[in-house]
Structure formats: C-alpha cells, structure tokens
PDB file of N, CA and C in Angstrom:
ATOM      1  N   MET A   1      -0.677  10.336  31.047  1.00  0.00           N
ATOM      2  CA  MET A   1      -1.968   9.689  31.162  1.00  0.00           C
ATOM      3  C   MET A   1      -2.980  10.740  31.632  1.00  0.00           C
ATOM      4  N   SER A   2      -4.154  10.660  31.080  1.00  0.00           N
ATOM      5  CA  SER A   2      -5.182  11.635  31.441  1.00  0.00           C
ATOM      6  C   SER A   2      -5.723  11.354  32.845  1.00  0.00           C
ATOM      7  N   LYS A   3      -6.331  12.358  33.428  1.00  0.00           N
ATOM      8  CA  LYS A   3      -6.875  12.209  34.783  1.00  0.00           C
ATOM      9  C   LYS A   3      -7.984  11.166  34.814  1.00  0.00           C
ATOM     10  N   MET A   4      -8.792  11.093  33.741  1.00  0.00           N
ATOM     11  CA  MET A   4      -9.874  10.101  33.702  1.00  0.00           C
ATOM     12  C   MET A   4      -9.310   8.682  33.662  1.00  0.00           C
ATOM     13  N   SER A   5      -8.268   8.481  32.871  1.00  0.00           N
ATOM     14  CA  SER A   5      -7.642   7.157  32.797  1.00  0.00           C
ATOM     15  C   SER A   5      -7.045   6.773  34.139  1.00  0.00           C
ATOM     16  N   GLU A   6      -6.418   7.731  34.778  1.00  0.00           N
ATOM     17  CA  GLU A   6      -5.816   7.500  36.086  1.00  0.00           C
ATOM     18  C   GLU A   6      -6.891   7.144  37.121  1.00  0.00           C
ATOM     19  N   LEU A   7      -7.995   7.889  37.096  1.00  0.00           N
ATOM     20  CA  LEU A   7      -9.107   7.626  38.007  1.00  0.00           C
ATOM     21  C   LEU A   7      -9.685   6.238  37.770  1.00  0.00           C
ATOM     22  N   HIS A   8      -9.856   5.885  36.513  1.00  0.00           N
ATOM     23  CA  HIS A   8     -10.405   4.564  36.174  1.00  0.00           C
ATOM     24  C   HIS A   8      -9.488   3.461  36.687  1.00  0.00           C
ATOM     25  N   MET A   9      -8.193   3.635  36.520  1.00  0.00           N
ATOM     26  CA  MET A   9      -7.239   2.626  37.002  1.00  0.00           C
ATOM     27  C   MET A   9      -7.298   2.500  38.523  1.00  0.00           C
ATOM     28  N   GLU A  10      -7.416   3.625  39.218  1.00  0.00           N
ATOM     29  CA  GLU A  10      -7.500   3.591  40.677  1.00  0.00           C
ATOM     30  C   GLU A  10      -8.784   2.897  41.130  1.00  0.00           C
ATOM     31  N   ILE A  11      -9.873   3.175  40.447  1.00  0.00           N
ATOM     32  CA  ILE A  11     -11.147   2.527  40.785  1.00  0.00           C
ATOM     33  C   ILE A  11     -11.056   1.027  40.547  1.00  0.00           C
ATOM     34  N   MET A  12     -10.501   0.631  39.409  1.00  0.00           N
ATOM     35  CA  MET A  12     -10.388  -0.796  39.097  1.00  0.00           C
ATOM     36  C   MET A  12      -9.467  -1.504  40.085  1.00  0.00           C
ATOM     37  N   ASP A  13      -8.404  -0.846  40.524  1.00  0.00           N
ATOM     38  CA  ASP A  13      -7.528  -1.423  41.547  1.00  0.00           C
ATOM     39  C   ASP A  13      -8.297  -1.642  42.846  1.00  0.00           C
ATOM     40  N   ALA A  14      -9.115  -0.662  43.220  1.00  0.00           N
ATOM     41  CA  ALA A  14      -9.913  -0.788  44.440  1.00  0.00           C
ATOM     42  C   ALA A  14     -10.901  -1.943  44.316  1.00  0.00           C
ATOM     43  N   ILE A  15     -11.503  -2.097  43.156  1.00  0.00           N
ATOM     44  CA  ILE A  15     -12.443  -3.196  42.928  1.00  0.00           C
ATOM     45  C   ILE A  15     -11.724  -4.533  43.043  1.00  0.00           C
ATOM     46  N   GLU A  16     -10.543  -4.636  42.457  1.00  0.00           N
ATOM     47  CA  GLU A  16      -9.769  -5.872  42.528  1.00  0.00           C
ATOM     48  C   GLU A  16      -9.384  -6.214  43.962  1.00  0.00           C
ATOM     49  N   GLN A  17      -9.248  -5.197  44.795  1.00  0.00           N
ATOM     50  CA  GLN A  17      -8.918  -5.417  46.202  1.00  0.00           C
ATOM     51  C   GLN A  17     -10.161  -5.761  47.017  1.00  0.00           C
ATOM     52  N   GLY A  18     -11.336  -5.756  46.369  1.00  0.00           N
ATOM     53  CA  GLY A  18     -12.563  -6.171  47.026  1.00  0.00           C
ATOM     54  C   GLY A  18     -13.333  -5.053  47.707  1.00  0.00           C
ATOM     55  N   MET A  19     -13.056  -3.818  47.340  1.00  0.00           N
ATOM     56  CA  MET A  19     -13.762  -2.698  47.957  1.00  0.00           C
ATOM     57  C   MET A  19     -15.230  -2.670  47.506  1.00  0.00           C
ATOM     58  N   SER A  20     -16.079  -2.180  48.378  1.00  0.00           N
ATOM     59  CA  SER A  20     -17.521  -2.156  48.117  1.00  0.00           C
ATOM     60  C   SER A  20     -17.905  -0.940  47.274  1.00  0.00           C
ATOM     61  N   ALA A  21     -19.145  -0.970  46.785  1.00  0.00           N
ATOM     62  CA  ALA A  21     -19.669   0.162  46.023  1.00  0.00           C
ATOM     63  C   ALA A  21     -19.712   1.413  46.898  1.00  0.00           C
ATOM     64  N   LYS A  22     -20.084   1.253  48.176  1.00  0.00           N
ATOM     65  CA  LYS A  22     -20.112   2.395  49.097  1.00  0.00           C
ATOM     66  C   LYS A  22     -18.728   3.034  49.223  1.00  0.00           C
ATOM     67  N   PHE A  23     -17.716   2.193  49.320  1.00  0.00           N
ATOM     68  CA  PHE A  23     -16.345   2.696  49.416  1.00  0.00           C
ATOM     69  C   PHE A  23     -15.973   3.481  48.172  1.00  0.00           C
ATOM     70  N   LEU A  24     -16.316   2.937  47.008  1.00  0.00           N
ATOM     71  CA  LEU A  24     -15.989   3.606  45.739  1.00  0.00           C
ATOM     72  C   LEU A  24     -16.677   4.963  45.648  1.00  0.00           C
ATOM     73  N   VAL A  25     -17.927   5.027  46.070  1.00  0.00           N
ATOM     74  CA  VAL A  25     -18.683   6.280  46.046  1.00  0.00           C
ATOM     75  C   VAL A  25     -18.019   7.311  46.955  1.00  0.00           C
ATOM     76  N   ALA A  26     -17.700   6.894  48.177  1.00  0.00           N
ATOM     77  CA  ALA A  26     -17.110   7.820  49.150  1.00  0.00           C
ATOM     78  C   ALA A  26     -15.700   8.251  48.754  1.00  0.00           C
ATOM     79  N   THR A  27     -14.928   7.347  48.181  1.00  0.00           N
ATOM     80  CA  THR A  27     -13.536   7.637  47.876  1.00  0.00           C
ATOM     81  C   THR A  27     -13.362   8.400  46.568  1.00  0.00           C
ATOM     82  N   PHE A  28     -14.106   7.991  45.546  1.00  0.00           N
ATOM     83  CA  PHE A  28     -13.862   8.543  44.213  1.00  0.00           C
ATOM     84  C   PHE A  28     -14.937   9.513  43.740  1.00  0.00           C
ATOM     85  N   GLY A  29     -16.023   9.635  44.506  1.00  0.00           N
ATOM     86  CA  GLY A  29     -17.067  10.582  44.151  1.00  0.00           C
ATOM     87  C   GLY A  29     -17.866  10.204  42.921  1.00  0.00           C
ATOM     88  N   ILE A  30     -17.980   8.911  42.667  1.00  0.00           N
ATOM     89  CA  ILE A  30     -18.794   8.454  41.537  1.00  0.00           C
ATOM     90  C   ILE A  30     -20.173   8.072  42.061  1.00  0.00           C
ATOM     91  N   SER A  31     -21.125   7.921  41.169  1.00  0.00           N
ATOM     92  CA  SER A  31     -22.475   7.550  41.601  1.00  0.00           C
ATOM     93  C   SER A  31     -22.501   6.082  42.030  1.00  0.00           C
ATOM     94  N   PHE A  32     -23.480   5.758  42.852  1.00  0.00           N
ATOM     95  CA  PHE A  32     -23.623   4.389  43.333  1.00  0.00           C
ATOM     96  C   PHE A  32     -23.898   3.436  42.175  1.00  0.00           C
ATOM     97  N   ASP A  33     -24.727   3.869  41.228  1.00  0.00           N
ATOM     98  CA  ASP A  33     -25.034   3.037  40.054  1.00  0.00           C
ATOM     99  C   ASP A  33     -23.778   2.748  39.243  1.00  0.00           C
ATOM    100  N   THR A  34     -22.942   3.754  39.065  1.00  0.00           N
ATOM    101  CA  THR A  34     -21.695   3.572  38.322  1.00  0.00           C
ATOM    102  C   THR A  34     -20.787   2.595  39.053  1.00  0.00           C
ATOM    103  N   ALA A  35     -20.686   2.755  40.363  1.00  0.00           N
ATOM    104  CA  ALA A  35     -19.840   1.859  41.159  1.00  0.00           C
ATOM    105  C   ALA A  35     -20.323   0.421  41.038  1.00  0.00           C
ATOM    106  N   GLU A  36     -21.623   0.213  41.164  1.00  0.00           N
ATOM    107  CA  GLU A  36     -22.168  -1.142  41.043  1.00  0.00           C
ATOM    108  C   GLU A  36     -21.927  -1.711  39.653  1.00  0.00           C
ATOM    109  N   GLN A  37     -22.074  -0.882  38.621  1.00  0.00           N
ATOM    110  CA  GLN A  37     -21.876  -1.342  37.248  1.00  0.00           C
ATOM    111  C   GLN A  37     -20.418  -1.736  37.017  1.00  0.00           C
ATOM    112  N   LEU A  38     -19.493  -0.949  37.536  1.00  0.00           N
ATOM    113  CA  LEU A  38     -18.071  -1.273  37.386  1.00  0.00           C
ATOM    114  C   LEU A  38     -17.723  -2.568  38.107  1.00  0.00           C
ATOM    115  N   ILE A  39     -18.285  -2.768  39.289  1.00  0.00           N
ATOM    116  CA  ILE A  39     -18.044  -4.010  40.029  1.00  0.00           C
ATOM    117  C   ILE A  39     -18.616  -5.197  39.262  1.00  0.00           C
ATOM    118  N   GLU A  40     -19.812  -5.040  38.720  1.00  0.00           N
ATOM    119  CA  GLU A  40     -20.445  -6.118  37.946  1.00  0.00           C
ATOM    120  C   GLU A  40     -19.637  -6.423  36.677  1.00  0.00           C
ATOM    121  N   ASP A  41     -19.194  -5.385  35.985  1.00  0.00           N
ATOM    122  CA  ASP A  41     -18.392  -5.578  34.778  1.00  0.00           C
ATOM    123  C   ASP A  41     -17.113  -6.338  35.098  1.00  0.00           C
ATOM    124  N   ARG A  42     -16.472  -5.972  36.201  1.00  0.00           N
ATOM    125  CA  ARG A  42     -15.235  -6.649  36.609  1.00  0.00           C
ATOM    126  C   ARG A  42     -15.517  -8.107  36.933  1.00  0.00           C
ATOM    127  N   HIS A  43     -16.650  -8.369  37.575  1.00  0.00           N
ATOM    128  CA  HIS A  43     -17.030  -9.738  37.909  1.00  0.00           C
ATOM    129  C   HIS A  43     -17.201 -10.575  36.632  1.00  0.00           C
ATOM    130  N   TYR A  44     -17.894 -10.019  35.642  1.00  0.00           N
ATOM    131  CA  TYR A  44     -18.109 -10.755  34.400  1.00  0.00           C
ATOM    132  C   TYR A  44     -16.818 -10.938  33.608  1.00  0.00           C
ATOM    133  N   GLU A  45     -15.912  -9.980  33.679  1.00  0.00           N
ATOM    134  CA  GLU A  45     -14.600 -10.140  33.043  1.00  0.00           C
ATOM    135  C   GLU A  45     -13.852 -11.314  33.667  1.00  0.00           C
ATOM    136  N   GLU A  46     -13.911 -11.397  34.983  1.00  0.00           N
ATOM    137  CA  GLU A  46     -13.240 -12.486  35.687  1.00  0.00           C
ATOM    138  C   GLU A  46     -13.862 -13.833  35.326  1.00  0.00           C
ATOM    139  N   LEU A  47     -15.181 -13.890  35.248  1.00  0.00           N
ATOM    140  CA  LEU A  47     -15.846 -15.135  34.848  1.00  0.00           C
ATOM    141  C   LEU A  47     -15.459 -15.534  33.427  1.00  0.00           C
ATOM    142  N   ALA A  48     -15.355 -14.563  32.535  1.00  0.00           N
ATOM    143  CA  ALA A  48     -14.958 -14.854  31.153  1.00  0.00           C
ATOM    144  C   ALA A  48     -13.536 -15.408  31.104  1.00  0.00           C
ATOM    145  N   LYS A  49     -12.642 -14.848  31.897  1.00  0.00           N
ATOM    146  CA  LYS A  49     -11.263 -15.350  31.954  1.00  0.00           C
ATOM    147  C   LYS A  49     -11.236 -16.776  32.478  1.00  0.00           C
ATOM    148  N   GLN A  50     -12.030 -17.040  33.533  1.00  0.00           N
ATOM    149  CA  GLN A  50     -12.075 -18.387  34.086  1.00  0.00           C
ATOM    150  C   GLN A  50     -12.619 -19.384  33.066  1.00  0.00           C
ATOM    151  N   HIS A  51     -13.651 -18.977  32.350  1.00  0.00           N
ATOM    152  CA  HIS A  51     -14.229 -19.851  31.327  1.00  0.00           C
ATOM    153  C   HIS A  51     -13.205 -20.140  30.233  1.00  0.00           C
ATOM    154  N   GLU A  52     -12.483 -19.127  29.821  1.00  0.00           N
ATOM    155  CA  GLU A  52     -11.457 -19.298  28.786  1.00  0.00           C
ATOM    156  C   GLU A  52     -10.370 -20.264  29.253  1.00  0.00           C
ATOM    157  N   MET A  53      -9.941 -20.126  30.501  1.00  0.00           N
ATOM    158  CA  MET A  53      -8.899 -21.011  31.035  1.00  0.00           C
ATOM    159  C   MET A  53      -9.413 -22.441  31.163  1.00  0.00           C
ATOM    160  N   MET A  54     -10.693 -22.599  31.563  1.00  0.00           N
ATOM    161  CA  MET A  54     -11.259 -23.943  31.666  1.00  0.00           C
ATOM    162  C   MET A  54     -11.359 -24.596  30.291  1.00  0.00           C
ATOM    163  N   ALA A  55     -11.718 -23.831  29.282  1.00  0.00           N
ATOM    164  CA  ALA A  55     -11.800 -24.370  27.925  1.00  0.00           C
ATOM    165  C   ALA A  55     -10.415 -24.776  27.434  1.00  0.00           C
ATOM    166  N   TYR A  56      -9.431 -23.949  27.750  1.00  0.00           N
ATOM    167  CA  TYR A  56      -8.052 -24.262  27.360  1.00  0.00           C
ATOM    168  C   TYR A  56      -7.577 -25.532  28.062  1.00  0.00           C
ATOM    169  N   ALA A  57      -7.895 -25.675  29.348  1.00  0.00           N
ATOM    170  CA  ALA A  57      -7.507 -26.868  30.097  1.00  0.00           C
ATOM    171  C   ALA A  57      -8.186 -28.110  29.519  1.00  0.00           C
ATOM    172  N   ALA A  58      -9.436 -27.976  29.114  1.00  0.00           N
ATOM    173  CA  ALA A  58     -10.146 -29.112  28.521  1.00  0.00           C
ATOM    174  C   ALA A  58      -9.497 -29.532  27.209  1.00  0.00           C
ATOM    175  N   GLU A  59      -9.042 -28.559  26.441  1.00  0.00           N
ATOM    176  CA  GLU A  59      -8.327 -28.880  25.197  1.00  0.00           C
ATOM    177  C   GLU A  59      -7.040 -29.637  25.493  1.00  0.00           C
ATOM    178  N   LEU A  60      -6.332 -29.226  26.512  1.00  0.00           N
ATOM    179  CA  LEU A  60      -5.081 -29.893  26.863  1.00  0.00           C
ATOM    180  C   LEU A  60      -5.318 -31.314  27.359  1.00  0.00           C
ATOM    181  N   GLU A  61      -6.447 -31.543  28.041  1.00  0.00           N
ATOM    182  CA  GLU A  61      -6.767 -32.890  28.509  1.00  0.00           C
ATOM    183  C   GLU A  61      -6.942 -33.846  27.333  1.00  0.00           C
ATOM    184  N   ASN A  62      -7.458 -33.345  26.237  1.00  0.00           N
ATOM    185  CA  ASN A  62      -7.721 -34.179  25.073  1.00  0.00           C
ATOM    186  C   ASN A  62      -6.516 -34.301  24.157  1.00  0.00           C
ATOM    187  N   PHE A  63      -5.425 -33.677  24.518  1.00  0.00           N
ATOM    188  CA  PHE A  63      -4.233 -33.695  23.686  1.00  0.00           C
ATOM    189  C   PHE A  63      -3.520 -35.032  23.831  1.00  0.00           C
ATOM    190  N   SER A  64      -3.178 -35.614  22.723  1.00  0.00           N
ATOM    191  CA  SER A  64      -2.395 -36.837  22.726  1.00  0.00           C
ATOM    192  C   SER A  64      -1.117 -36.601  21.939  1.00  0.00           C
ATOM    193  N   PRO A  65       0.019 -36.946  22.503  1.00  0.00           N
ATOM    194  CA  PRO A  65       1.272 -36.739  21.769  1.00  0.00           C
ATOM    195  C   PRO A  65       1.375 -37.620  20.525  1.00  0.00           C
ATOM    196  N   PHE A  66       0.478 -38.616  20.407  1.00  0.00           N
ATOM    197  CA  PHE A  66       0.506 -39.521  19.274  1.00  0.00           C
ATOM    198  C   PHE A  66      -0.391 -39.074  18.136  1.00  0.00           C
ATOM    199  N   ASP A  67      -1.232 -38.075  18.375  1.00  0.00           N
ATOM    200  CA  ASP A  67      -2.070 -37.535  17.317  1.00  0.00           C
ATOM    201  C   ASP A  67      -1.213 -36.667  16.401  1.00  0.00           C
ATOM    202  N   THR A  68      -1.509 -36.760  15.127  1.00  0.00           N
ATOM    203  CA  THR A  68      -0.833 -35.893  14.163  1.00  0.00           C
ATOM    204  C   THR A  68      -1.868 -35.057  13.453  1.00  0.00           C
ATOM    205  N   VAL A  69      -1.424 -34.093  12.720  1.00  0.00           N
ATOM    206  CA  VAL A  69      -2.337 -33.218  12.001  1.00  0.00           C
ATOM    207  C   VAL A  69      -3.132 -34.035  10.984  1.00  0.00           C
ATOM    208  N   ASN A  70      -2.516 -35.061  10.411  1.00  0.00           N
ATOM    209  CA  ASN A  70      -3.158 -35.820   9.342  1.00  0.00           C
ATOM    210  C   ASN A  70      -3.983 -37.007   9.848  1.00  0.00           C
ATOM    211  N   SER A  71      -3.989 -37.292  11.160  1.00  0.00           N
ATOM    212  CA  SER A  71      -4.733 -38.474  11.591  1.00  0.00           C
ATOM    213  C   SER A  71      -6.122 -38.165  12.034  1.00  0.00           C
TER     214      SER A  71
END
C-alpha cells in the first residue's frame, strides 16, 4: 500500500474516532481546510448510509408475504 493510502486510512480512522480538525492538523500535518473537508465528507457519507438504511427499512415495512409478483 502506498504511503498516501496509508495516511488517508489513518486520517479516516481518526475521524471515525471523533478527532477534531485541530487534532488532524497537529497529528498528520495536513491543512486545516483539508481536515475540515475530510470531516464534512465523512459526515455526509454517514448521512447517506443512514438514509439508505431508512429507505430499506421502509421497503421492508411495506412487504407483505401475501403479495406476489403478479398481483
């Protein structure tokens, strides 16, 4: 694995653990803007996953074992 990929994985792990942008800047030597953008991107990824799971749950609520493909 390349050093950049490894660094990205370490940063994303830190974000998942709830580390702040200041922490990311001090630990990984990235710019504050980059740290904030990565945190925001991770937040939106999580929201998208939650939305997908909620949509899936709504589909399951409407599922009836008596419905058939042809009805």
